[in-house]
């Protein structure tokens, strides 16, 4: 029987069970939060991102979630520096040019600040620069893609929370905790 875990990954945690970094590095890893044998992350979230990470012991499911060819939608709540203009939203929706090519169209909308946990360390704001939240759904999975997309339209990412993968969400999962998927 397949085991699938939904984990609400905190900021600063690597999406792997060991820290294979340079000597002396001391990053938190999944092993500090999840003591379940033979499950592996289906995709990644960089250490500066938070939110939903799906882990499974089923290689086919892992591949279906992680492989961009399958176009599984992933929704992010993104706090950006600046105010998102209609032009910026249209550019994100139509795809933006990155160094590794054009992104696929995304679903993008402004949103009210979500009811999420306090981040440790807190986001550093500039009092003279406004910020806003966007909901962005992509079907690709390039390295740091959402951050690069918002930067390409002049809206640097301050905080990035993955809210949803396919039909799974972080609803009801406290930051730093996990549940078995139903």
C-alpha atoms as a PDB file:
ATOM      1  CA  UNK A   1       0.000   0.000   0.000  1.00  0.00           C
ATOM      2  CA  UNK A   2       1.301   3.429  -0.975  1.00  0.00           C
ATOM      3  CA  UNK A   3       2.159   5.885   1.784  1.00  0.00           C
ATOM      4  CA  UNK A   4       1.859   9.575   0.945  1.00  0.00           C
ATOM      5  CA  UNK A   5       2.745  12.331   3.398  1.00  0.00           C
ATOM      6  CA  UNK A   6       1.855  16.020   3.222  1.00  0.00           C
ATOM      7  CA  UNK A   7       4.457  18.143   5.032  1.00  0.00           C
ATOM      8  CA  UNK A   8       4.268  21.876   5.694  1.00  0.00           C
ATOM      9  CA  UNK A   9       7.976  22.668   5.278  1.00  0.00           C
ATOM     10  CA  UNK A  10       9.354  25.546   7.341  1.00  0.00           C
ATOM     11  CA  UNK A  11      11.674  28.235   6.013  1.00  0.00           C
ATOM     12  CA  UNK A  12      15.337  27.191   6.096  1.00  0.00           C
ATOM     13  CA  UNK A  13      14.739  23.429   5.875  1.00  0.00           C
ATOM     14  CA  UNK A  14      16.284  21.404   3.043  1.00  0.00           C
ATOM     15  CA  UNK A  15      13.936  19.176   0.999  1.00  0.00           C
ATOM     16  CA  UNK A  16      16.074  16.108   1.721  1.00  0.00           C
ATOM     17  CA  UNK A  17      16.800  13.826   4.650  1.00  0.00           C
ATOM     18  CA  UNK A  18      20.535  14.511   4.952  1.00  0.00           C
ATOM     19  CA  UNK A  19      22.665  17.627   4.685  1.00  0.00           C
ATOM     20  CA  UNK A  20      25.202  16.713   2.047  1.00  0.00           C
ATOM     21  CA  UNK A  21      26.512  20.268   1.965  1.00  0.00           C
ATOM     22  CA  UNK A  22      30.009  21.460   2.590  1.00  0.00           C
ATOM     23  CA  UNK A  23      31.881  20.414   5.700  1.00  0.00           C
ATOM     24  CA  UNK A  24      30.573  22.239   8.720  1.00  0.00           C
ATOM     25  CA  UNK A  25      27.218  23.167   7.165  1.00  0.00           C
ATOM     26  CA  UNK A  26      24.368  22.719   9.575  1.00  0.00           C
ATOM     27  CA  UNK A  27      21.084  22.994   7.685  1.00  0.00           C
ATOM     28  CA  UNK A  28      17.886  21.516   9.036  1.00  0.00           C
ATOM     29  CA  UNK A  29      16.636  18.567   6.994  1.00  0.00           C
ATOM     30  CA  UNK A  30      13.450  16.539   6.673  1.00  0.00           C
ATOM     31  CA  UNK A  31      14.844  13.989   9.146  1.00  0.00           C
ATOM     32  CA  UNK A  32      14.289  16.485  11.969  1.00  0.00           C
ATOM     33  CA  UNK A  33      10.552  16.507  11.233  1.00  0.00           C
ATOM     34  CA  UNK A  34       9.656  13.183   9.590  1.00  0.00           C
ATOM     35  CA  UNK A  35      10.600   9.790  11.021  1.00  0.00           C
ATOM     36  CA  UNK A  36       8.976   7.584   8.403  1.00  0.00           C
ATOM     37  CA  UNK A  37      11.116   5.031   6.549  1.00  0.00           C
ATOM     38  CA  UNK A  38      11.320   4.808   2.759  1.00  0.00           C
ATOM     39  CA  UNK A  39       9.475   8.008   1.828  1.00  0.00           C
ATOM     40  CA  UNK A  40      11.075  10.560  -0.468  1.00  0.00           C
ATOM     41  CA  UNK A  41      10.167  14.056  -1.577  1.00  0.00           C
ATOM     42  CA  UNK A  42       8.250  14.289  -4.832  1.00  0.00           C
ATOM     43  CA  UNK A  43       9.858  17.476  -6.093  1.00  0.00           C
ATOM     44  CA  UNK A  44      11.660  20.117  -4.101  1.00  0.00           C
ATOM     45  CA  UNK A  45      11.211  23.403  -2.337  1.00  0.00           C
ATOM     46  CA  UNK A  46      14.356  25.455  -1.912  1.00  0.00           C
ATOM     47  CA  UNK A  47      15.401  26.152   1.668  1.00  0.00           C
ATOM     48  CA  UNK A  48      14.106  29.735   1.428  1.00  0.00           C
ATOM     49  CA  UNK A  49      10.595  28.574   0.490  1.00  0.00           C
ATOM     50  CA  UNK A  50       7.869  27.239   2.754  1.00  0.00           C
ATOM     51  CA  UNK A  51       4.750  25.164   2.471  1.00  0.00           C
ATOM     52  CA  UNK A  52       3.552  21.945   0.933  1.00  0.00           C
ATOM     53  CA  UNK A  53       6.002  19.159   0.219  1.00  0.00           C
ATOM     54  CA  UNK A  54       4.606  15.764  -0.793  1.00  0.00           C
ATOM     55  CA  UNK A  55       6.588  12.664   0.192  1.00  0.00           C
ATOM     56  CA  UNK A  56       5.797   9.134  -0.905  1.00  0.00           C
ATOM     57  CA  UNK A  57       7.165   5.607  -0.996  1.00  0.00           C
ATOM     58  CA  UNK A  58       5.681   5.096  -4.488  1.00  0.00           C
ATOM     59  CA  UNK A  59       8.195   5.829  -7.262  1.00  0.00           C
ATOM     60  CA  UNK A  60       5.522   6.145  -9.968  1.00  0.00           C
ATOM     61  CA  UNK A  61       3.560   8.665  -7.905  1.00  0.00           C
ATOM     62  CA  UNK A  62       6.748  10.540  -7.082  1.00  0.00           C
ATOM     63  CA  UNK A  63       7.538  10.768 -10.804  1.00  0.00           C
ATOM     64  CA  UNK A  64       3.982  11.844 -11.697  1.00  0.00           C
ATOM     65  CA  UNK A  65       4.156  14.706  -9.175  1.00  0.00           C
ATOM     66  CA  UNK A  66       7.698  15.876  -9.911  1.00  0.00           C
ATOM     67  CA  UNK A  67       8.065  15.463 -13.676  1.00  0.00           C
ATOM     68  CA  UNK A  68       7.133  18.720 -15.483  1.00  0.00           C
ATOM     69  CA  UNK A  69       5.933  16.665 -18.480  1.00  0.00           C
ATOM     70  CA  UNK A  70       2.917  15.676 -16.369  1.00  0.00           C
ATOM     71  CA  UNK A  71       1.954  19.339 -15.862  1.00  0.00           C
ATOM     72  CA  UNK A  72       0.656  18.817 -12.315  1.00  0.00           C
ATOM     73  CA  UNK A  73      -0.448  22.280 -11.149  1.00  0.00           C
ATOM     74  CA  UNK A  74       1.338  23.818  -8.181  1.00  0.00           C
ATOM     75  CA  UNK A  75      -0.071  26.916  -6.492  1.00  0.00           C
ATOM     76  CA  UNK A  76       2.063  29.394  -4.574  1.00  0.00           C
ATOM     77  CA  UNK A  77       1.244  32.326  -2.348  1.00  0.00           C
ATOM     78  CA  UNK A  78       3.920  34.891  -3.112  1.00  0.00           C
ATOM     79  CA  UNK A  79       4.648  38.074  -1.204  1.00  0.00           C
ATOM     80  CA  UNK A  80       6.453  40.448  -3.538  1.00  0.00           C
ATOM     81  CA  UNK A  81       8.148  43.789  -3.121  1.00  0.00           C
ATOM     82  CA  UNK A  82       6.223  46.429  -5.026  1.00  0.00           C
ATOM     83  CA  UNK A  83       2.672  46.672  -6.312  1.00  0.00           C
ATOM     84  CA  UNK A  84       1.629  44.240  -9.020  1.00  0.00           C
ATOM     85  CA  UNK A  85       0.353  46.221 -11.985  1.00  0.00           C
ATOM     86  CA  UNK A  86      -2.010  44.797 -14.576  1.00  0.00           C
ATOM     87  CA  UNK A  87       0.924  44.741 -17.027  1.00  0.00           C
ATOM     88  CA  UNK A  88       3.017  42.653 -14.608  1.00  0.00           C
ATOM     89  CA  UNK A  89       0.120  40.242 -14.026  1.00  0.00           C
ATOM     90  CA  UNK A  90      -0.495  39.924 -17.785  1.00  0.00           C
ATOM     91  CA  UNK A  91       3.195  39.208 -18.397  1.00  0.00           C
ATOM     92  CA  UNK A  92       3.201  36.456 -15.750  1.00  0.00           C
ATOM     93  CA  UNK A  93      -0.035  35.005 -17.136  1.00  0.00           C
ATOM     94  CA  UNK A  94       1.314  34.906 -20.685  1.00  0.00           C
ATOM     95  CA  UNK A  95       4.783  33.613 -19.778  1.00  0.00           C
ATOM     96  CA  UNK A  96       7.999  35.522 -19.191  1.00  0.00           C
ATOM     97  CA  UNK A  97      11.430  35.134 -20.735  1.00  0.00           C
ATOM     98  CA  UNK A  98      13.991  33.676 -18.331  1.00  0.00           C
ATOM     99  CA  UNK A  99      17.626  32.784 -19.026  1.00  0.00           C
ATOM    100  CA  UNK A 100      16.557  29.179 -19.657  1.00  0.00           C
ATOM    101  CA  UNK A 101      13.709  30.153 -21.999  1.00  0.00           C
ATOM    102  CA  UNK A 102      10.111  31.253 -21.959  1.00  0.00           C
ATOM    103  CA  UNK A 103       7.895  30.043 -19.136  1.00  0.00           C
ATOM    104  CA  UNK A 104       4.552  28.441 -19.830  1.00  0.00           C
ATOM    105  CA  UNK A 105       1.508  30.595 -19.135  1.00  0.00           C
ATOM    106  CA  UNK A 106       0.577  30.786 -15.447  1.00  0.00           C
ATOM    107  CA  UNK A 107      -2.604  31.533 -13.550  1.00  0.00           C
ATOM    108  CA  UNK A 108      -1.943  34.705 -11.562  1.00  0.00           C
ATOM    109  CA  UNK A 109      -4.091  36.926  -9.378  1.00  0.00           C
ATOM    110  CA  UNK A 110      -3.693  39.445  -6.593  1.00  0.00           C
ATOM    111  CA  UNK A 111      -4.784  38.180  -3.201  1.00  0.00           C
ATOM    112  CA  UNK A 112      -5.290  39.463   0.309  1.00  0.00           C
ATOM    113  CA  UNK A 113      -2.462  38.557   2.696  1.00  0.00           C
ATOM    114  CA  UNK A 114      -3.118  34.910   3.628  1.00  0.00           C
ATOM    115  CA  UNK A 115      -3.533  33.726   7.212  1.00  0.00           C
ATOM    116  CA  UNK A 116      -0.162  32.009   7.512  1.00  0.00           C
ATOM    117  CA  UNK A 117       2.254  31.371  10.374  1.00  0.00           C
ATOM    118  CA  UNK A 118       4.934  33.857  11.391  1.00  0.00           C
ATOM    119  CA  UNK A 119       8.159  33.154   9.579  1.00  0.00           C
ATOM    120  CA  UNK A 120      11.437  32.690  11.456  1.00  0.00           C
ATOM    121  CA  UNK A 121      13.388  34.774  10.685  1.00  0.00           C
ATOM    122  CA  UNK A 122      10.781  37.369   9.751  1.00  0.00           C
ATOM    123  CA  UNK A 123      10.643  38.815   6.237  1.00  0.00           C
ATOM    124  CA  UNK A 124      12.732  41.984   5.963  1.00  0.00           C
ATOM    125  CA  UNK A 125      10.605  44.857   4.714  1.00  0.00           C
ATOM    126  CA  UNK A 126      11.598  48.292   3.503  1.00  0.00           C
ATOM    127  CA  UNK A 127       9.239  50.843   5.018  1.00  0.00           C
ATOM    128  CA  UNK A 128       9.394  53.001   1.887  1.00  0.00           C
ATOM    129  CA  UNK A 129       8.504  50.179  -0.531  1.00  0.00           C
ATOM    130  CA  UNK A 130       5.014  48.658  -0.617  1.00  0.00           C
ATOM    131  CA  UNK A 131       4.443  44.935  -0.950  1.00  0.00           C
ATOM    132  CA  UNK A 132       1.572  42.729  -2.070  1.00  0.00           C
ATOM    133  CA  UNK A 133       0.576  39.057  -2.304  1.00  0.00           C
ATOM    134  CA  UNK A 134      -0.028  37.074  -5.472  1.00  0.00           C
ATOM    135  CA  UNK A 135      -1.449  33.620  -6.059  1.00  0.00           C
ATOM    136  CA  UNK A 136       0.507  31.949  -8.861  1.00  0.00           C
ATOM    137  CA  UNK A 137      -0.232  28.512 -10.327  1.00  0.00           C
ATOM    138  CA  UNK A 138       2.347  26.937 -12.616  1.00  0.00           C
ATOM    139  CA  UNK A 139       2.614  23.560 -14.312  1.00  0.00           C
ATOM    140  CA  UNK A 140       6.386  23.598 -14.784  1.00  0.00           C
ATOM    141  CA  UNK A 141       9.009  23.058 -12.131  1.00  0.00           C
ATOM    142  CA  UNK A 142      12.171  24.915 -13.053  1.00  0.00           C
ATOM    143  CA  UNK A 143      14.728  25.777 -10.401  1.00  0.00           C
ATOM    144  CA  UNK A 144      13.502  28.774  -8.379  1.00  0.00           C
ATOM    145  CA  UNK A 145      11.008  29.443 -11.168  1.00  0.00           C
ATOM    146  CA  UNK A 146       8.426  31.531  -9.312  1.00  0.00           C
ATOM    147  CA  UNK A 147      11.129  33.747  -7.788  1.00  0.00           C
ATOM    148  CA  UNK A 148      12.706  34.269 -11.204  1.00  0.00           C
ATOM    149  CA  UNK A 149       9.337  34.980 -12.815  1.00  0.00           C
ATOM    150  CA  UNK A 150       8.362  37.673 -10.320  1.00  0.00           C
ATOM    151  CA  UNK A 151      11.842  39.228 -10.539  1.00  0.00           C
ATOM    152  CA  UNK A 152      11.537  39.319 -14.350  1.00  0.00           C
ATOM    153  CA  UNK A 153       8.498  41.611 -14.041  1.00  0.00           C
ATOM    154  CA  UNK A 154      10.137  43.848 -11.406  1.00  0.00           C
ATOM    155  CA  UNK A 155       8.549  42.253  -8.329  1.00  0.00           C
ATOM    156  CA  UNK A 156      11.229  40.561  -6.222  1.00  0.00           C
ATOM    157  CA  UNK A 157       9.888  37.755  -4.022  1.00  0.00           C
ATOM    158  CA  UNK A 158       9.978  38.400  -0.273  1.00  0.00           C
ATOM    159  CA  UNK A 159       8.205  35.229   0.830  1.00  0.00           C
ATOM    160  CA  UNK A 160       7.093  32.143  -1.049  1.00  0.00           C
ATOM    161  CA  UNK A 161       4.625  29.587   0.335  1.00  0.00           C
ATOM    162  CA  UNK A 162       3.575  26.584  -1.755  1.00  0.00           C
ATOM    163  CA  UNK A 163      -0.094  26.171  -0.962  1.00  0.00           C
ATOM    164  CA  UNK A 164      -1.188  23.360  -3.273  1.00  0.00           C
ATOM    165  CA  UNK A 165       0.058  20.483  -5.454  1.00  0.00           C
ATOM    166  CA  UNK A 166      -2.685  18.885  -7.552  1.00  0.00           C
ATOM    167  CA  UNK A 167      -5.578  18.410  -5.107  1.00  0.00           C
ATOM    168  CA  UNK A 168      -3.427  18.437  -1.952  1.00  0.00           C
ATOM    169  CA  UNK A 169      -3.146  21.632   0.133  1.00  0.00           C
ATOM    170  CA  UNK A 170      -1.565  22.751   3.403  1.00  0.00           C
ATOM    171  CA  UNK A 171      -4.996  23.468   4.873  1.00  0.00           C
ATOM    172  CA  UNK A 172      -5.055  22.204   8.461  1.00  0.00           C
ATOM    173  CA  UNK A 173      -1.339  21.319   8.540  1.00  0.00           C
ATOM    174  CA  UNK A 174       0.665  23.451  10.968  1.00  0.00           C
ATOM    175  CA  UNK A 175       4.056  24.642   9.782  1.00  0.00           C
ATOM    176  CA  UNK A 176       6.692  22.019  10.620  1.00  0.00           C
ATOM    177  CA  UNK A 177       4.159  19.183  10.873  1.00  0.00           C
ATOM    178  CA  UNK A 178       2.875  16.488   8.521  1.00  0.00           C
ATOM    179  CA  UNK A 179      -0.154  14.289   7.969  1.00  0.00           C
ATOM    180  CA  UNK A 180      -0.839  11.171   5.958  1.00  0.00           C
ATOM    181  CA  UNK A 181      -2.659  12.034   2.734  1.00  0.00           C
ATOM    182  CA  UNK A 182      -6.075  10.506   2.341  1.00  0.00           C
END
